[in-house]
PDB file of N, CA and C in Angstrom:
ATOM      1  N   UNK A   1    -254.360 -89.056  -4.690  1.00  0.00           N
ATOM      2  CA  UNK A   1    -253.924 -89.830  -5.803  1.00  0.00           C
ATOM      3  C   UNK A   1    -254.696 -89.373  -7.034  1.00  0.00           C
ATOM      4  N   UNK A   2    -253.995 -89.077  -8.104  1.00  0.00           N
ATOM      5  CA  UNK A   2    -254.635 -88.654  -9.339  1.00  0.00           C
ATOM      6  C   UNK A   2    -254.792 -89.861 -10.257  1.00  0.00           C
ATOM      7  N   UNK A   3    -255.985 -90.030 -10.804  1.00  0.00           N
ATOM      8  CA  UNK A   3    -256.287 -91.136 -11.713  1.00  0.00           C
ATOM      9  C   UNK A   3    -256.854 -90.545 -12.998  1.00  0.00           C
ATOM     10  N   UNK A   4    -256.291 -90.955 -14.137  1.00  0.00           N
ATOM     11  CA  UNK A   4    -256.781 -90.535 -15.441  1.00  0.00           C
ATOM     12  C   UNK A   4    -257.200 -91.781 -16.202  1.00  0.00           C
ATOM     13  N   UNK A   5    -258.409 -91.766 -16.750  1.00  0.00           N
ATOM     14  CA  UNK A   5    -258.976 -92.937 -17.402  1.00  0.00           C
ATOM     15  C   UNK A   5    -259.304 -92.600 -18.853  1.00  0.00           C
ATOM     16  N   UNK A   6    -258.800 -93.436 -19.753  1.00  0.00           N
ATOM     17  CA  UNK A   6    -259.158 -93.327 -21.162  1.00  0.00           C
ATOM     18  C   UNK A   6    -260.237 -94.346 -21.476  1.00  0.00           C
ATOM     19  N   UNK A   7    -261.334 -93.881 -22.052  1.00  0.00           N
ATOM     20  CA  UNK A   7    -262.461 -94.750 -22.381  1.00  0.00           C
ATOM     21  C   UNK A   7    -262.464 -94.956 -23.893  1.00  0.00           C
ATOM     22  N   UNK A   8    -262.678 -96.194 -24.324  1.00  0.00           N
ATOM     23  CA  UNK A   8    -262.695 -96.515 -25.749  1.00  0.00           C
ATOM     24  C   UNK A   8    -263.777 -95.722 -26.460  1.00  0.00           C
ATOM     25  N   UNK A   9    -263.442 -95.251 -27.659  1.00  0.00           N
ATOM     26  CA  UNK A   9    -264.362 -94.512 -28.534  1.00  0.00           C
ATOM     27  C   UNK A   9    -264.868 -93.203 -27.934  1.00  0.00           C
ATOM     28  N   UNK A  10    -264.129 -92.663 -26.965  1.00  0.00           N
ATOM     29  CA  UNK A  10    -264.446 -91.358 -26.378  1.00  0.00           C
ATOM     30  C   UNK A  10    -263.193 -90.502 -26.473  1.00  0.00           C
ATOM     31  N   UNK A  11    -263.304 -89.339 -27.067  1.00  0.00           N
ATOM     32  CA  UNK A  11    -262.135 -88.491 -27.300  1.00  0.00           C
ATOM     33  C   UNK A  11    -261.578 -87.873 -26.023  1.00  0.00           C
ATOM     34  N   UNK A  12    -262.415 -87.662 -25.050  1.00  0.00           N
ATOM     35  CA  UNK A  12    -261.989 -86.977 -23.831  1.00  0.00           C
ATOM     36  C   UNK A  12    -261.737 -87.987 -22.718  1.00  0.00           C
ATOM     37  N   UNK A  13    -260.699 -87.755 -21.942  1.00  0.00           N
ATOM     38  CA  UNK A  13    -260.371 -88.650 -20.834  1.00  0.00           C
ATOM     39  C   UNK A  13    -261.014 -88.169 -19.537  1.00  0.00           C
ATOM     40  N   UNK A  14    -261.168 -89.084 -18.588  1.00  0.00           N
ATOM     41  CA  UNK A  14    -261.705 -88.760 -17.268  1.00  0.00           C
ATOM     42  C   UNK A  14    -260.553 -88.585 -16.301  1.00  0.00           C
ATOM     43  N   UNK A  15    -260.555 -87.526 -15.536  1.00  0.00           N
ATOM     44  CA  UNK A  15    -259.540 -87.294 -14.513  1.00  0.00           C
ATOM     45  C   UNK A  15    -260.228 -87.084 -13.182  1.00  0.00           C
ATOM     46  N   UNK A  16    -259.665 -87.705 -12.146  1.00  0.00           N
ATOM     47  CA  UNK A  16    -260.226 -87.529 -10.824  1.00  0.00           C
ATOM     48  C   UNK A  16    -259.130 -87.609  -9.779  1.00  0.00           C
ATOM     49  N   UNK A  17    -259.402 -87.008  -8.661  1.00  0.00           N
ATOM     50  CA  UNK A  17    -258.522 -87.023  -7.493  1.00  0.00           C
ATOM     51  C   UNK A  17    -259.205 -87.880  -6.446  1.00  0.00           C
ATOM     52  N   UNK A  18    -258.521 -88.909  -5.961  1.00  0.00           N
ATOM     53  CA  UNK A  18    -259.115 -89.821  -4.996  1.00  0.00           C
ATOM     54  C   UNK A  18    -258.227 -89.964  -3.769  1.00  0.00           C
ATOM     55  N   UNK A  19    -258.842 -90.322  -2.651  1.00  0.00           N
ATOM     56  CA  UNK A  19    -258.102 -90.538  -1.416  1.00  0.00           C
ATOM     57  C   UNK A  19    -257.618 -91.989  -1.299  1.00  0.00           C
ATOM     58  N   UNK A  20    -257.996 -92.844  -2.248  1.00  0.00           N
ATOM     59  CA  UNK A  20    -257.584 -94.246  -2.235  1.00  0.00           C
ATOM     60  C   UNK A  20    -256.104 -94.365  -2.589  1.00  0.00           C
ATOM     61  N   UNK A  21    -255.481 -95.434  -2.110  1.00  0.00           N
ATOM     62  CA  UNK A  21    -254.064 -95.668  -2.418  1.00  0.00           C
ATOM     63  C   UNK A  21    -253.928 -96.247  -3.825  1.00  0.00           C
ATOM     64  N   UNK A  22    -252.705 -96.265  -4.321  1.00  0.00           N
ATOM     65  CA  UNK A  22    -252.445 -96.820  -5.651  1.00  0.00           C
ATOM     66  C   UNK A  22    -252.804 -98.300  -5.710  1.00  0.00           C
ATOM     67  N   UNK A  23    -252.577 -99.020  -4.614  1.00  0.00           N
ATOM     68  CA  UNK A  23    -252.895-100.447  -4.572  1.00  0.00           C
ATOM     69  C   UNK A  23    -254.410-100.676  -4.642  1.00  0.00           C
ATOM     70  N   UNK A  24    -255.175 -99.842  -3.953  1.00  0.00           N
ATOM     71  CA  UNK A  24    -256.632 -99.962  -3.982  1.00  0.00           C
ATOM     72  C   UNK A  24    -257.184 -99.676  -5.372  1.00  0.00           C
ATOM     73  N   UNK A  25    -256.629 -98.664  -6.032  1.00  0.00           N
ATOM     74  CA  UNK A  25    -257.072 -98.332  -7.384  1.00  0.00           C
ATOM     75  C   UNK A  25    -256.705 -99.460  -8.348  1.00  0.00           C
ATOM     76  N   UNK A  26    -255.487 -99.985  -8.218  1.00  0.00           N
ATOM     77  CA  UNK A  26    -255.044-101.075  -9.091  1.00  0.00           C
ATOM     78  C   UNK A  26    -255.897-102.326  -8.907  1.00  0.00           C
ATOM     79  N   UNK A  27    -256.261-102.641  -7.675  1.00  0.00           N
ATOM     80  CA  UNK A  27    -257.101-103.821  -7.449  1.00  0.00           C
ATOM     81  C   UNK A  27    -258.512-103.617  -8.000  1.00  0.00           C
ATOM     82  N   UNK A  28    -259.041-102.392  -7.934  1.00  0.00           N
ATOM     83  CA  UNK A  28    -260.348-102.104  -8.519  1.00  0.00           C
ATOM     84  C   UNK A  28    -260.310-102.246 -10.041  1.00  0.00           C
ATOM     85  N   UNK A  29    -259.212-101.809 -10.653  1.00  0.00           N
ATOM     86  CA  UNK A  29    -259.044-101.938 -12.104  1.00  0.00           C
ATOM     87  C   UNK A  29    -258.942-103.401 -12.490  1.00  0.00           C
ATOM     88  N   UNK A  30    -258.129-104.163 -11.752  1.00  0.00           N
ATOM     89  CA  UNK A  30    -257.977-105.598 -12.032  1.00  0.00           C
ATOM     90  C   UNK A  30    -259.314-106.326 -11.927  1.00  0.00           C
ATOM     91  N   UNK A  31    -260.094-106.008 -10.912  1.00  0.00           N
ATOM     92  CA  UNK A  31    -261.392-106.661 -10.731  1.00  0.00           C
ATOM     93  C   UNK A  31    -262.341-106.323 -11.877  1.00  0.00           C
ATOM     94  N   UNK A  32    -262.335-105.070 -12.319  1.00  0.00           N
ATOM     95  CA  UNK A  32    -263.232-104.665 -13.413  1.00  0.00           C
ATOM     96  C   UNK A  32    -262.831-105.335 -14.718  1.00  0.00           C
ATOM     97  N   UNK A  33    -261.535-105.507 -14.940  1.00  0.00           N
ATOM     98  CA  UNK A  33    -261.079-106.130 -16.180  1.00  0.00           C
ATOM     99  C   UNK A  33    -261.263-107.639 -16.172  1.00  0.00           C
ATOM    100  N   UNK A  34    -261.028-108.281 -15.043  1.00  0.00           N
ATOM    101  CA  UNK A  34    -261.101-109.736 -15.003  1.00  0.00           C
ATOM    102  C   UNK A  34    -262.540-110.245 -15.032  1.00  0.00           C
ATOM    103  N   UNK A  35    -263.444-109.562 -14.377  1.00  0.00           N
ATOM    104  CA  UNK A  35    -264.832-110.005 -14.307  1.00  0.00           C
ATOM    105  C   UNK A  35    -265.690-109.449 -15.436  1.00  0.00           C
ATOM    106  N   UNK A  36    -265.144-108.490 -16.180  1.00  0.00           N
ATOM    107  CA  UNK A  36    -265.975-107.803 -17.165  1.00  0.00           C
ATOM    108  C   UNK A  36    -267.003-106.925 -16.481  1.00  0.00           C
ATOM    109  N   UNK A  37    -266.690-106.527 -15.260  1.00  0.00           N
ATOM    110  CA  UNK A  37    -267.623-105.747 -14.454  1.00  0.00           C
ATOM    111  C   UNK A  37    -267.480-104.263 -14.664  1.00  0.00           C
ATOM    112  N   UNK A  38    -267.609-103.534 -13.591  1.00  0.00           N
ATOM    113  CA  UNK A  38    -267.599-102.072 -13.634  1.00  0.00           C
ATOM    114  C   UNK A  38    -266.482-101.552 -12.736  1.00  0.00           C
ATOM    115  N   UNK A  39    -265.705-100.606 -13.258  1.00  0.00           N
ATOM    116  CA  UNK A  39    -264.706 -99.920 -12.444  1.00  0.00           C
ATOM    117  C   UNK A  39    -265.443 -98.849 -11.658  1.00  0.00           C
ATOM    118  N   UNK A  40    -265.390 -98.938 -10.337  1.00  0.00           N
ATOM    119  CA  UNK A  40    -266.091 -98.002  -9.460  1.00  0.00           C
ATOM    120  C   UNK A  40    -265.056 -97.325  -8.572  1.00  0.00           C
ATOM    121  N   UNK A  41    -264.888 -96.014  -8.768  1.00  0.00           N
ATOM    122  CA  UNK A  41    -263.957 -95.228  -7.956  1.00  0.00           C
ATOM    123  C   UNK A  41    -264.706 -94.069  -7.323  1.00  0.00           C
ATOM    124  N   UNK A  42    -264.291 -93.679  -6.132  1.00  0.00           N
ATOM    125  CA  UNK A  42    -264.878 -92.536  -5.433  1.00  0.00           C
ATOM    126  C   UNK A  42    -263.838 -91.429  -5.373  1.00  0.00           C
ATOM    127  N   UNK A  43    -264.206 -90.238  -5.831  1.00  0.00           N
ATOM    128  CA  UNK A  43    -263.250 -89.134  -5.812  1.00  0.00           C
ATOM    129  C   UNK A  43    -263.187 -88.505  -4.421  1.00  0.00           C
ATOM    130  N   UNK A  44    -262.310 -87.526  -4.272  1.00  0.00           N
ATOM    131  CA  UNK A  44    -262.072 -86.921  -2.962  1.00  0.00           C
ATOM    132  C   UNK A  44    -263.269 -86.111  -2.458  1.00  0.00           C
ATOM    133  N   UNK A  45    -264.238 -85.816  -3.324  1.00  0.00           N
ATOM    134  CA  UNK A  45    -265.447 -85.093  -2.914  1.00  0.00           C
ATOM    135  C   UNK A  45    -266.605 -86.038  -2.622  1.00  0.00           C
ATOM    136  N   UNK A  46    -266.371 -87.351  -2.719  1.00  0.00           N
ATOM    137  CA  UNK A  46    -267.407 -88.324  -2.420  1.00  0.00           C
ATOM    138  C   UNK A  46    -268.253 -88.755  -3.606  1.00  0.00           C
ATOM    139  N   UNK A  47    -267.961 -88.245  -4.800  1.00  0.00           N
ATOM    140  CA  UNK A  47    -268.718 -88.638  -5.991  1.00  0.00           C
ATOM    141  C   UNK A  47    -268.183 -89.956  -6.527  1.00  0.00           C
ATOM    142  N   UNK A  48    -269.064 -90.793  -7.071  1.00  0.00           N
ATOM    143  CA  UNK A  48    -268.646 -92.073  -7.629  1.00  0.00           C
ATOM    144  C   UNK A  48    -268.545 -91.980  -9.136  1.00  0.00           C
ATOM    145  N   UNK A  49    -267.473 -92.585  -9.674  1.00  0.00           N
ATOM    146  CA  UNK A  49    -267.260 -92.656 -11.110  1.00  0.00           C
ATOM    147  C   UNK A  49    -267.359 -94.127 -11.484  1.00  0.00           C
ATOM    148  N   UNK A  50    -268.235 -94.447 -12.428  1.00  0.00           N
ATOM    149  CA  UNK A  50    -268.457 -95.823 -12.867  1.00  0.00           C
ATOM    150  C   UNK A  50    -268.115 -95.925 -14.350  1.00  0.00           C
ATOM    151  N   UNK A  51    -267.236 -96.883 -14.690  1.00  0.00           N
ATOM    152  CA  UNK A  51    -266.862 -97.115 -16.078  1.00  0.00           C
ATOM    153  C   UNK A  51    -266.949 -98.615 -16.337  1.00  0.00           C
ATOM    154  N   UNK A  52    -267.669 -99.048 -17.364  1.00  0.00           N
ATOM    155  CA  UNK A  52    -267.713-100.476 -17.671  1.00  0.00           C
ATOM    156  C   UNK A  52    -266.315-101.008 -17.982  1.00  0.00           C
ATOM    157  N   UNK A  53    -265.981-102.172 -17.444  1.00  0.00           N
ATOM    158  CA  UNK A  53    -264.658-102.754 -17.646  1.00  0.00           C
ATOM    159  C   UNK A  53    -264.334-102.986 -19.111  1.00  0.00           C
ATOM    160  N   UNK A  54    -265.338-103.330 -19.916  1.00  0.00           N
ATOM    161  CA  UNK A  54    -265.120-103.573 -21.344  1.00  0.00           C
ATOM    162  C   UNK A  54    -264.780-102.296 -22.098  1.00  0.00           C
ATOM    163  N   UNK A  55    -265.121-101.129 -21.542  1.00  0.00           N
ATOM    164  CA  UNK A  55    -264.906 -99.860 -22.228  1.00  0.00           C
ATOM    165  C   UNK A  55    -263.583 -99.196 -21.855  1.00  0.00           C
ATOM    166  N   UNK A  56    -262.845 -99.767 -20.894  1.00  0.00           N
ATOM    167  CA  UNK A  56    -261.574 -99.166 -20.478  1.00  0.00           C
ATOM    168  C   UNK A  56    -260.549 -99.260 -21.596  1.00  0.00           C
ATOM    169  N   UNK A  57    -259.943 -98.136 -21.929  1.00  0.00           N
ATOM    170  CA  UNK A  57    -258.863 -98.111 -22.911  1.00  0.00           C
ATOM    171  C   UNK A  57    -257.517 -98.141 -22.212  1.00  0.00           C
ATOM    172  N   UNK A  58    -257.337 -97.254 -21.228  1.00  0.00           N
ATOM    173  CA  UNK A  58    -256.110 -97.184 -20.436  1.00  0.00           C
ATOM    174  C   UNK A  58    -256.417 -96.443 -19.142  1.00  0.00           C
ATOM    175  N   UNK A  59    -255.554 -96.659 -18.146  1.00  0.00           N
ATOM    176  CA  UNK A  59    -255.690 -95.985 -16.859  1.00  0.00           C
ATOM    177  C   UNK A  59    -254.307 -95.565 -16.399  1.00  0.00           C
ATOM    178  N   UNK A  60    -254.167 -94.318 -16.009  1.00  0.00           N
ATOM    179  CA  UNK A  60    -252.905 -93.801 -15.471  1.00  0.00           C
ATOM    180  C   UNK A  60    -253.123 -93.464 -14.007  1.00  0.00           C
ATOM    181  N   UNK A  61    -252.302 -94.065 -13.154  1.00  0.00           N
ATOM    182  CA  UNK A  61    -252.405 -93.855 -11.714  1.00  0.00           C
ATOM    183  C   UNK A  61    -251.102 -93.221 -11.250  1.00  0.00           C
ATOM    184  N   UNK A  62    -251.201 -92.088 -10.554  1.00  0.00           N
ATOM    185  CA  UNK A  62    -249.991 -91.439 -10.073  1.00  0.00           C
ATOM    186  C   UNK A  62    -250.299 -90.407  -9.018  1.00  0.00           C
ATOM    187  N   UNK A  63    -249.256 -89.977  -8.349  1.00  0.00           N
ATOM    188  CA  UNK A  63    -249.387 -88.941  -7.336  1.00  0.00           C
ATOM    189  C   UNK A  63    -249.804 -87.636  -7.984  1.00  0.00           C
ATOM    190  N   UNK A  64    -250.605 -86.869  -7.287  1.00  0.00           N
ATOM    191  CA  UNK A  64    -250.990 -85.560  -7.807  1.00  0.00           C
ATOM    192  C   UNK A  64    -249.803 -84.621  -7.691  1.00  0.00           C
ATOM    193  N   UNK A  65    -249.627 -83.816  -8.727  1.00  0.00           N
ATOM    194  CA  UNK A  65    -248.503 -82.891  -8.764  1.00  0.00           C
ATOM    195  C   UNK A  65    -248.968 -81.525  -8.288  1.00  0.00           C
ATOM    196  N   UNK A  66    -248.249 -80.975  -7.352  1.00  0.00           N
ATOM    197  CA  UNK A  66    -248.594 -79.652  -6.846  1.00  0.00           C
ATOM    198  C   UNK A  66    -248.220 -78.616  -7.891  1.00  0.00           C
ATOM    199  N   UNK A  67    -249.045 -77.587  -8.027  1.00  0.00           N
ATOM    200  CA  UNK A  67    -248.758 -76.514  -8.972  1.00  0.00           C
ATOM    201  C   UNK A  67    -247.534 -75.729  -8.550  1.00  0.00           C
ATOM    202  N   UNK A  68    -246.717 -75.401  -9.513  1.00  0.00           N
ATOM    203  CA  UNK A  68    -245.508 -74.631  -9.224  1.00  0.00           C
ATOM    204  C   UNK A  68    -245.824 -73.149  -9.266  1.00  0.00           C
ATOM    205  N   UNK A  69    -245.181 -72.420  -8.385  1.00  0.00           N
ATOM    206  CA  UNK A  69    -245.383 -70.976  -8.314  1.00  0.00           C
ATOM    207  C   UNK A  69    -244.017 -70.312  -8.347  1.00  0.00           C
ATOM    208  N   UNK A  70    -243.900 -69.245  -9.138  1.00  0.00           N
ATOM    209  CA  UNK A  70    -242.656 -68.500  -9.159  1.00  0.00           C
ATOM    210  C   UNK A  70    -241.781 -68.878 -10.326  1.00  0.00           C
ATOM    211  N   UNK A  71    -240.552 -68.365 -10.260  1.00  0.00           N
ATOM    212  CA  UNK A  71    -239.591 -68.606 -11.335  1.00  0.00           C
ATOM    213  C   UNK A  71    -238.584 -69.618 -10.851  1.00  0.00           C
ATOM    214  N   UNK A  72    -238.720 -70.829 -11.278  1.00  0.00           N
ATOM    215  CA  UNK A  72    -237.786 -71.885 -10.883  1.00  0.00           C
ATOM    216  C   UNK A  72    -237.120 -72.462 -12.108  1.00  0.00           C
ATOM    217  N   UNK A  73    -236.017 -73.106 -11.873  1.00  0.00           N
ATOM    218  CA  UNK A  73    -235.332 -73.761 -12.978  1.00  0.00           C
ATOM    219  C   UNK A  73    -235.878 -75.161 -13.138  1.00  0.00           C
ATOM    220  N   UNK A  74    -235.957 -75.564 -14.360  1.00  0.00           N
ATOM    221  CA  UNK A  74    -236.486 -76.907 -14.649  1.00  0.00           C
ATOM    222  C   UNK A  74    -235.343 -77.880 -14.772  1.00  0.00           C
TER     223      UNK A  74
END
């Protein structure tokens, strides 16, 4: 699952690949926003990403897209 996080007052976004489901990521986001706590996600390599709930600008959750190879029609 690919997750992209926009942080307030930061020009660059955070992108990570996680083994968690979309529901697990959504519940972690909801908990961080409702409690004013910290969004804590673990990427597929085992590293933890921590973002304060108050600093979240936006979060995009979606399936990772496989790279295309060759000449295909769009």
